[in-house]
Amino acid sequence: VKGRFTISRDNAKKTVYLQLNSLKVEDTAVYYCNAAPAW
């Protein structure tokens, strides 16, 4: 996804974003957020 997806965050809003550009059929999926590593 490098060069196509961009992650960002707004700590005041406690929100994480993922901008997806130039989407491909193979990007079809359920998308989740979590800590990294996930806990």
All heavy atoms as atom14 arrays in JSON, in Angstrom:
{
  "sequence": "VKGRFTISRDNAKKTVYLQLNSLKVEDTAVYYCNAAPAW",
  "atom14_mask": [
    [1, 1, 1, 1, 1, 1, 1, 0, 0, 0, 0, 0, 0, 0],
    [1, 1, 1, 1, 1, 1, 1, 1, 1, 0, 0, 0, 0, 0],
    [1, 1, 1, 1, 0, 0, 0, 0, 0, 0, 0, 0, 0, 0],
    [1, 1, 1, 1, 1, 1, 1, 1, 1, 1, 1, 0, 0, 0],
    [1, 1, 1, 1, 1, 1, 1, 1, 1, 1, 1, 0, 0, 0],
    [1, 1, 1, 1, 1, 1, 1, 0, 0, 0, 0, 0, 0, 0],
    [1, 1, 1, 1, 1, 1, 1, 1, 0, 0, 0, 0, 0, 0],
    [1, 1, 1, 1, 1, 1, 0, 0, 0, 0, 0, 0, 0, 0],
    [1, 1, 1, 1, 1, 1, 1, 1, 1, 1, 1, 0, 0, 0],
    [1, 1, 1, 1, 1, 1, 1, 1, 0, 0, 0, 0, 0, 0],
    [1, 1, 1, 1, 1, 1, 1, 1, 0, 0, 0, 0, 0, 0],
    [1, 1, 1, 1, 1, 0, 0, 0, 0, 0, 0, 0, 0, 0],
    [1, 1, 1, 1, 1, 1, 1, 1, 1, 0, 0, 0, 0, 0],
    [1, 1, 1, 1, 1, 1, 1, 1, 1, 0, 0, 0, 0, 0],
    [1, 1, 1, 1, 1, 1, 1, 0, 0, 0, 0, 0, 0, 0],
    [1, 1, 1, 1, 1, 1, 1, 0, 0, 0, 0, 0, 0, 0],
    [1, 1, 1, 1, 1, 1, 1, 1, 1, 1, 1, 1, 0, 0],
    [1, 1, 1, 1, 1, 1, 1, 1, 0, 0, 0, 0, 0, 0],
    [1, 1, 1, 1, 1, 1, 1, 1, 1, 0, 0, 0, 0, 0],
    [1, 1, 1, 1, 1, 1, 1, 1, 0, 0, 0, 0, 0, 0],
    [1, 1, 1, 1, 1, 1, 1, 1, 0, 0, 0, 0, 0, 0],
    [1, 1, 1, 1, 1, 1, 0, 0, 0, 0, 0, 0, 0, 0],
    [1, 1, 1, 1, 1, 1, 1, 1, 0, 0, 0, 0, 0, 0],
    [1, 1, 1, 1, 1, 1, 1, 1, 1, 0, 0, 0, 0, 0],
    [1, 1, 1, 1, 1, 1, 1, 0, 0, 0, 0, 0, 0, 0],
    [1, 1, 1, 1, 1, 1, 1, 1, 1, 0, 0, 0, 0, 0],
    [1, 1, 1, 1, 1, 1, 1, 1, 0, 0, 0, 0, 0, 0],
    [1, 1, 1, 1, 1, 1, 1, 0, 0, 0, 0, 0, 0, 0],
    [1, 1, 1, 1, 1, 0, 0, 0, 0, 0, 0, 0, 0, 0],
    [1, 1, 1, 1, 1, 1, 1, 0, 0, 0, 0, 0, 0, 0],
    [1, 1, 1, 1, 1, 1, 1, 1, 1, 1, 1, 1, 0, 0],
    [1, 1, 1, 1, 1, 1, 1, 1, 1, 1, 1, 1, 0, 0],
    [1, 1, 1, 1, 1, 1, 0, 0, 0, 0, 0, 0, 0, 0],
    [1, 1, 1, 1, 1, 1, 1, 1, 0, 0, 0, 0, 0, 0],
    [1, 1, 1, 1, 1, 0, 0, 0, 0, 0, 0, 0, 0, 0],
    [1, 1, 1, 1, 1, 0, 0, 0, 0, 0, 0, 0, 0, 0],
    [1, 1, 1, 1, 1, 1, 1, 0, 0, 0, 0, 0, 0, 0],
    [1, 1, 1, 1, 1, 0, 0, 0, 0, 0, 0, 0, 0, 0],
    [1, 1, 1, 1, 1, 1, 1, 1, 1, 1, 1, 1, 1, 1]
  ],
  "atom14_positions": [
    [[0.81, -1.22, 0.0], [0.0, 0.0, 0.0], [0.84, 1.27, 0.0], [0.29, 2.37, -0.05], [-0.97, 0.03, 1.2], [-1.82, -1.23, 1.23], [-0.22, 0.21, 2.52], [0.0, 0.0, 0.0], [0.0, 0.0, 0.0], [0.0, 0.0, 0.0], [0.0, 0.0, 0.0], [0.0, 0.0, 0.0], [0.0, 0.0, 0.0], [0.0, 0.0, 0.0]],
    [[2.14, 1.1, 0.04], [3.03, 2.25, 0.12], [2.81, 3.17, -1.09], [2.74, 2.72, -2.23], [4.48, 1.79, 0.17], [5.43, 2.8, 0.78], [6.83, 2.23, 0.92], [6.89, 1.09, 1.92], [6.8, 1.59, 3.32], [0.0, 0.0, 0.0], [0.0, 0.0, 0.0], [0.0, 0.0, 0.0], [0.0, 0.0, 0.0], [0.0, 0.0, 0.0]],
    [[2.68, 4.46, -0.79], [2.45, 5.44, -1.85], [0.98, 5.61, -2.21], [0.63, 6.53, -2.95], [0.0, 0.0, 0.0], [0.0, 0.0, 0.0], [0.0, 0.0, 0.0], [0.0, 0.0, 0.0], [0.0, 0.0, 0.0], [0.0, 0.0, 0.0], [0.0, 0.0, 0.0], [0.0, 0.0, 0.0], [0.0, 0.0, 0.0], [0.0, 0.0, 0.0]],
    [[0.12, 4.73, -1.69], [-1.32, 4.83, -1.99], [-2.14, 5.11, -0.73], [-3.14, 5.83, -0.8], [-1.82, 3.53, -2.63], [-1.14, 3.18, -3.93], [-1.82, 1.99, -4.62], [-1.78, 0.77, -3.82], [-2.86, 0.12, -3.4], [-4.07, 0.58, -3.68], [-2.73, -1.0, -2.7], [0.0, 0.0, 0.0], [0.0, 0.0, 0.0], [0.0, 0.0, 0.0]],
    [[-1.76, 4.55, 0.4], [-2.5, 4.73, 1.66], [-1.7, 5.64, 2.59], [-0.48, 5.52, 2.68], [-2.71, 3.39, 2.36], [-3.64, 2.45, 1.67], [-4.17, 2.71, 0.42], [-4.01, 1.26, 2.3], [-5.04, 1.82, -0.21], [-4.88, 0.36, 1.68], [-5.38, 0.64, 0.43], [0.0, 0.0, 0.0], [0.0, 0.0, 0.0], [0.0, 0.0, 0.0]],
    [[-2.41, 6.51, 3.29], [-1.77, 7.4, 4.25], [-2.5, 7.35, 5.57], [-3.71, 7.57, 5.63], [-1.79, 8.85, 3.72], [-1.12, 8.91, 2.45], [-1.07, 9.78, 4.7], [0.0, 0.0, 0.0], [0.0, 0.0, 0.0], [0.0, 0.0, 0.0], [0.0, 0.0, 0.0], [0.0, 0.0, 0.0], [0.0, 0.0, 0.0], [0.0, 0.0, 0.0]],
    [[-1.76, 7.07, 6.62], [-2.33, 7.04, 7.96], [-2.06, 8.37, 8.66], [-1.0, 8.98, 8.47], [-1.76, 5.86, 8.78], [-2.51, 5.69, 10.09], [-0.26, 6.0, 8.99], [-2.14, 4.42, 10.86], [0.0, 0.0, 0.0], [0.0, 0.0, 0.0], [0.0, 0.0, 0.0], [0.0, 0.0, 0.0], [0.0, 0.0, 0.0], [0.0, 0.0, 0.0]],
    [[-3.03, 8.82, 9.44], [-2.86, 10.06, 10.21], [-3.68, 9.94, 11.49], [-4.46, 9.01, 11.64], [-3.29, 11.28, 9.4], [-4.66, 11.19, 9.06], [0.0, 0.0, 0.0], [0.0, 0.0, 0.0], [0.0, 0.0, 0.0], [0.0, 0.0, 0.0], [0.0, 0.0, 0.0], [0.0, 0.0, 0.0], [0.0, 0.0, 0.0], [0.0, 0.0, 0.0]],
    [[-3.49, 10.87, 12.38], [-4.23, 10.82, 13.65], [-4.52, 12.23, 14.14], [-3.78, 13.17, 13.85], [-3.46, 10.02, 14.69], [-2.2, 10.68, 15.2], [-1.33, 9.71, 16.02], [-2.02, 9.24, 17.22], [-1.63, 8.21, 17.94], [-0.57, 7.48, 17.56], [-2.28, 7.86, 19.05], [0.0, 0.0, 0.0], [0.0, 0.0, 0.0], [0.0, 0.0, 0.0]],
    [[-5.57, 12.34, 14.93], [-5.93, 13.57, 15.62], [-6.11, 13.18, 17.08], [-7.15, 12.64, 17.46], [-7.21, 14.16, 15.03], [-7.58, 15.51, 15.63], [-7.21, 15.76, 16.8], [-8.24, 16.3, 14.95], [0.0, 0.0, 0.0], [0.0, 0.0, 0.0], [0.0, 0.0, 0.0], [0.0, 0.0, 0.0], [0.0, 0.0, 0.0], [0.0, 0.0, 0.0]],
    [[-5.11, 13.44, 17.89], [-5.17, 13.0, 19.28], [-6.26, 13.71, 20.07], [-6.84, 13.13, 20.98], [-3.81, 13.21, 19.96], [-2.77, 12.22, 19.47], [-3.09, 11.11, 19.04], [-1.52, 12.62, 19.52], [0.0, 0.0, 0.0], [0.0, 0.0, 0.0], [0.0, 0.0, 0.0], [0.0, 0.0, 0.0], [0.0, 0.0, 0.0], [0.0, 0.0, 0.0]],
    [[-6.54, 14.94, 19.74], [-7.6, 15.67, 20.44], [-8.96, 15.03, 20.21], [-9.82, 15.03, 21.1], [-7.63, 17.12, 19.98], [0.0, 0.0, 0.0], [0.0, 0.0, 0.0], [0.0, 0.0, 0.0], [0.0, 0.0, 0.0], [0.0, 0.0, 0.0], [0.0, 0.0, 0.0], [0.0, 0.0, 0.0], [0.0, 0.0, 0.0], [0.0, 0.0, 0.0]],
    [[-9.13, 14.46, 19.02], [-10.4, 13.79, 18.7], [-10.32, 12.28, 18.96], [-11.29, 11.57, 18.74], [-10.76, 14.03, 17.24], [-11.07, 15.48, 16.91], [-11.48, 15.63, 15.45], [-11.83, 17.08, 15.14], [-12.24, 17.25, 13.72], [0.0, 0.0, 0.0], [0.0, 0.0, 0.0], [0.0, 0.0, 0.0], [0.0, 0.0, 0.0], [0.0, 0.0, 0.0]],
    [[-9.16, 11.8, 19.39], [-8.96, 10.37, 19.63], [-9.36, 9.56, 18.4], [-10.07, 8.56, 18.49], [-9.75, 9.9, 20.85], [-9.33, 10.59, 22.15], [-10.13, 10.07, 23.33], [-9.79, 10.81, 24.59], [-10.6, 10.34, 25.75], [0.0, 0.0, 0.0], [0.0, 0.0, 0.0], [0.0, 0.0, 0.0], [0.0, 0.0, 0.0], [0.0, 0.0, 0.0]],
    [[-8.89, 10.0, 17.27], [-9.28, 9.4, 16.0], [-8.05, 9.14, 15.13], [-7.14, 9.97, 15.08], [-10.28, 10.29, 15.25], [-11.42, 10.49, 16.07], [-10.72, 9.65, 13.94], [0.0, 0.0, 0.0], [0.0, 0.0, 0.0], [0.0, 0.0, 0.0], [0.0, 0.0, 0.0], [0.0, 0.0, 0.0], [0.0, 0.0, 0.0], [0.0, 0.0, 0.0]],
    [[-8.06, 7.98, 14.49], [-7.04, 7.62, 13.51], [-7.71, 7.52, 12.15], [-8.83, 7.01, 12.05], [-6.38, 6.28, 13.87], [-5.26, 5.96, 12.88], [-5.83, 6.31, 15.27], [0.0, 0.0, 0.0], [0.0, 0.0, 0.0], [0.0, 0.0, 0.0], [0.0, 0.0, 0.0], [0.0, 0.0, 0.0], [0.0, 0.0, 0.0], [0.0, 0.0, 0.0]],
    [[-7.02, 8.0, 11.13], [-7.58, 8.0, 9.78], [-6.71, 7.16, 8.86], [-5.52, 6.98, 9.08], [-7.65, 9.42, 9.23], [-8.43, 10.38, 10.09], [-7.78, 11.22, 10.99], [-9.82, 10.45, 10.01], [-8.49, 12.11, 11.79], [-10.55, 11.34, 10.8], [-9.87, 12.17, 11.69], [-10.58, 13.02, 12.47], [0.0, 0.0, 0.0], [0.0, 0.0, 0.0]],
    [[-7.33, 6.67, 7.8], [-6.59, 6.02, 6.74], [-7.15, 6.52, 5.42], [-8.31, 6.27, 5.1], [-6.7, 4.5, 6.81], [-5.8, 3.74, 5.83], [-4.32, 3.93, 6.2], [-6.13, 2.25, 5.82], [0.0, 0.0, 0.0], [0.0, 0.0, 0.0], [0.0, 0.0, 0.0], [0.0, 0.0, 0.0], [0.0, 0.0, 0.0], [0.0, 0.0, 0.0]],
    [[-6.33, 7.27, 4.71], [-6.71, 7.75, 3.38], [-6.26, 6.7, 2.37], [-5.07, 6.37, 2.3], [-6.04, 9.09, 3.08], [-6.34, 9.64, 1.7], [-7.79, 10.04, 1.52], [-8.38, 10.65, 2.41], [-8.37, 9.72, 0.37], [0.0, 0.0, 0.0], [0.0, 0.0, 0.0], [0.0, 0.0, 0.0], [0.0, 0.0, 0.0], [0.0, 0.0, 0.0]],
    [[-7.21, 6.2, 1.61], [-6.93, 5.18, 0.61], [-7.07, 5.8, -0.77], [-8.15, 6.29, -1.12], [-7.9, 4.0, 0.73], [-7.86, 3.12, 1.98], [-8.42, 3.82, 3.2], [-8.62, 1.84, 1.75], [0.0, 0.0, 0.0], [0.0, 0.0, 0.0], [0.0, 0.0, 0.0], [0.0, 0.0, 0.0], [0.0, 0.0, 0.0], [0.0, 0.0, 0.0]],
    [[-6.02, 5.81, -1.53], [-6.04, 6.34, -2.89], [-5.65, 5.25, -3.88], [-5.04, 4.25, -3.51], [-5.09, 7.53, -3.02], [-5.53, 8.72, -2.21], [-6.72, 8.97, -2.03], [-4.56, 9.47, -1.7], [0.0, 0.0, 0.0], [0.0, 0.0, 0.0], [0.0, 0.0, 0.0], [0.0, 0.0, 0.0], [0.0, 0.0, 0.0], [0.0, 0.0, 0.0]],
    [[-6.0, 5.47, -5.13], [-5.65, 4.52, -6.19], [-6.0, 3.09, -5.8], [-5.18, 2.16, -5.92], [-4.15, 4.63, -6.51], [-3.81, 5.93, -6.89], [0.0, 0.0, 0.0], [0.0, 0.0, 0.0], [0.0, 0.0, 0.0], [0.0, 0.0, 0.0], [0.0, 0.0, 0.0], [0.0, 0.0, 0.0], [0.0, 0.0, 0.0], [0.0, 0.0, 0.0]],
    [[-7.22, 2.92, -5.35], [-7.63, 1.62, -4.83], [-7.62, 0.55, -5.92], [-7.93, 0.82, -7.09], [-9.02, 1.72, -4.21], [-9.02, 2.28, -2.78], [-10.39, 2.79, -2.39], [-8.53, 1.22, -1.81], [0.0, 0.0, 0.0], [0.0, 0.0, 0.0], [0.0, 0.0, 0.0], [0.0, 0.0, 0.0], [0.0, 0.0, 0.0], [0.0, 0.0, 0.0]],
    [[-7.29, -0.65, -5.5], [-7.24, -1.8, -6.38], [-8.25, -2.84, -5.91], [-8.63, -2.86, -4.72], [-5.84, -2.42, -6.38], [-4.73, -1.46, -6.77], [-3.38, -2.13, -6.65], [-2.25, -1.17, -7.03], [-0.91, -1.82, -6.91], [0.0, 0.0, 0.0], [0.0, 0.0, 0.0], [0.0, 0.0, 0.0], [0.0, 0.0, 0.0], [0.0, 0.0, 0.0]],
    [[-8.65, -3.71, -6.81], [-9.61, -4.76, -6.43], [-9.07, -5.57, -5.26], [-9.83, -5.96, -4.36], [-9.9, -5.67, -7.64], [-10.72, -6.87, -7.22], [-10.61, -4.89, -8.74], [0.0, 0.0, 0.0], [0.0, 0.0, 0.0], [0.0, 0.0, 0.0], [0.0, 0.0, 0.0], [0.0, 0.0, 0.0], [0.0, 0.0, 0.0], [0.0, 0.0, 0.0]],
    [[-7.78, -5.8, -5.24], [-7.17, -6.6, -4.17], [-7.13, -5.88, -2.82], [-6.71, -6.46, -1.82], [-5.76, -7.06, -4.55], [-4.84, -5.96, -5.02], [-4.8, -5.84, -6.54], [-5.87, -5.93, -7.19], [-3.68, -5.62, -7.07], [0.0, 0.0, 0.0], [0.0, 0.0, 0.0], [0.0, 0.0, 0.0], [0.0, 0.0, 0.0], [0.0, 0.0, 0.0]],
    [[-7.53, -4.63, -2.77], [-7.65, -3.92, -1.49], [-8.98, -4.22, -0.8], [-9.2, -3.79, 0.33], [-7.54, -2.4, -1.7], [-6.17, -1.97, -2.19], [-5.17, -2.53, -1.71], [-6.11, -1.07, -3.05], [0.0, 0.0, 0.0], [0.0, 0.0, 0.0], [0.0, 0.0, 0.0], [0.0, 0.0, 0.0], [0.0, 0.0, 0.0], [0.0, 0.0, 0.0]],
    [[-9.85, -4.94, -1.47], [-11.13, -5.32, -0.87], [-10.89, -6.12, 0.4], [-10.19, -7.14, 0.39], [-11.96, -6.14, -1.86], [-12.31, -5.32, -2.98], [-13.23, -6.67, -1.2], [0.0, 0.0, 0.0], [0.0, 0.0, 0.0], [0.0, 0.0, 0.0], [0.0, 0.0, 0.0], [0.0, 0.0, 0.0], [0.0, 0.0, 0.0], [0.0, 0.0, 0.0]],
    [[-11.47, -5.65, 1.51], [-11.24, -6.28, 2.81], [-12.07, -5.55, 3.86], [-12.6, -4.47, 3.61], [-9.77, -6.23, 3.19], [0.0, 0.0, 0.0], [0.0, 0.0, 0.0], [0.0, 0.0, 0.0], [0.0, 0.0, 0.0], [0.0, 0.0, 0.0], [0.0, 0.0, 0.0], [0.0, 0.0, 0.0], [0.0, 0.0, 0.0], [0.0, 0.0, 0.0]],
    [[-12.14, -6.15, 5.03], [-12.65, -5.46, 6.21], [-11.44, -4.79, 6.87], [-10.43, -5.46, 7.12], [-13.36, -6.4, 7.19], [-13.84, -5.62, 8.41], [-14.54, -7.09, 6.5], [0.0, 0.0, 0.0], [0.0, 0.0, 0.0], [0.0, 0.0, 0.0], [0.0, 0.0, 0.0], [0.0, 0.0, 0.0], [0.0, 0.0, 0.0], [0.0, 0.0, 0.0]],
    [[-11.54, -3.52, 7.12], [-10.45, -2.74, 7.7], [-10.74, -2.46, 9.17], [-11.86, -2.07, 9.54], [-10.28, -1.43, 6.94], [-9.61, -1.62, 5.6], [-10.29, -2.21, 4.54], [-8.28, -1.24, 5.39], [-9.67, -2.42, 3.31], [-7.66, -1.43, 4.17], [-8.36, -2.02, 3.14], [-7.74, -2.22, 1.92], [0.0, 0.0, 0.0], [0.0, 0.0, 0.0]],
    [[-9.72, -2.67, 9.98], [-9.8, -2.48, 11.43], [-8.67, -1.57, 11.89], [-7.6, -1.52, 11.28], [-9.63, -3.81, 12.16], [-10.56, -4.92, 11.78], [-10.29, -5.76, 10.7], [-11.71, -5.17, 12.52], [-11.14, -6.79, 10.36], [-12.57, -6.21, 12.2], [-12.27, -7.01, 11.12], [-13.11, -8.05, 10.79], [0.0, 0.0, 0.0], [0.0, 0.0, 0.0]],
    [[-8.89, -0.91, 13.01], [-7.78, -0.23, 13.66], [-7.53, -0.91, 15.01], [-8.4, -1.58, 15.57], [-8.04, 1.25, 13.84], [-9.32, 1.65, 15.03], [0.0, 0.0, 0.0], [0.0, 0.0, 0.0], [0.0, 0.0, 0.0], [0.0, 0.0, 0.0], [0.0, 0.0, 0.0], [0.0, 0.0, 0.0], [0.0, 0.0, 0.0], [0.0, 0.0, 0.0]],
    [[-6.34, -0.74, 15.51], [-5.96, -1.28, 16.81], [-4.61, -0.68, 17.14], [-3.98, -0.01, 16.32], [-5.88, -2.8, 16.78], [-6.13, -3.44, 18.14], [-5.49, -3.08, 19.12], [-7.05, -4.38, 18.2], [0.0, 0.0, 0.0], [0.0, 0.0, 0.0], [0.0, 0.0, 0.0], [0.0, 0.0, 0.0], [0.0, 0.0, 0.0], [0.0, 0.0, 0.0]],
    [[-4.14, -0.92, 18.32], [-2.78, -0.55, 18.65], [-1.85, -1.43, 17.81], [-2.24, -2.44, 17.25], [-2.52, -0.76, 20.13], [0.0, 0.0, 0.0], [0.0, 0.0, 0.0], [0.0, 0.0, 0.0], [0.0, 0.0, 0.0], [0.0, 0.0, 0.0], [0.0, 0.0, 0.0], [0.0, 0.0, 0.0], [0.0, 0.0, 0.0], [0.0, 0.0, 0.0]],
    [[-0.6, -1.02, 17.74], [0.4, -1.81, 17.02], [1.6, -2.0, 17.94], [2.29, -1.02, 18.23], [0.8, -1.11, 15.73], [0.0, 0.0, 0.0], [0.0, 0.0, 0.0], [0.0, 0.0, 0.0], [0.0, 0.0, 0.0], [0.0, 0.0, 0.0], [0.0, 0.0, 0.0], [0.0, 0.0, 0.0], [0.0, 0.0, 0.0], [0.0, 0.0, 0.0]],
    [[1.87, -3.23, 18.37], [1.11, -4.46, 18.15], [-0.29, -4.39, 18.75], [-0.53, -3.61, 19.69], [1.94, -5.53, 18.87], [3.29, -4.93, 19.08], [3.08, -3.46, 19.19], [0.0, 0.0, 0.0], [0.0, 0.0, 0.0], [0.0, 0.0, 0.0], [0.0, 0.0, 0.0], [0.0, 0.0, 0.0], [0.0, 0.0, 0.0], [0.0, 0.0, 0.0]],
    [[-1.2, -5.17, 18.23], [-2.6, -5.14, 18.65], [-2.77, -5.75, 20.03], [-2.32, -6.86, 20.3], [-3.45, -5.89, 17.64], [0.0, 0.0, 0.0], [0.0, 0.0, 0.0], [0.0, 0.0, 0.0], [0.0, 0.0, 0.0], [0.0, 0.0, 0.0], [0.0, 0.0, 0.0], [0.0, 0.0, 0.0], [0.0, 0.0, 0.0], [0.0, 0.0, 0.0]],
    [[-3.44, -4.99, 20.89], [-3.78, -5.53, 22.22], [-5.16, -5.1, 22.67], [-5.69, -5.6, 23.64], [-2.74, -5.11, 23.27], [-2.61, -3.62, 23.46], [-1.68, -2.81, 22.87], [-3.4, -2.77, 24.29], [-1.86, -1.51, 23.28], [-2.9, -1.45, 24.15], [-4.49, -2.98, 25.13], [-3.45, -0.37, 24.82], [-5.04, -1.9, 25.82], [-4.52, -0.6, 25.64]]
  ]
}
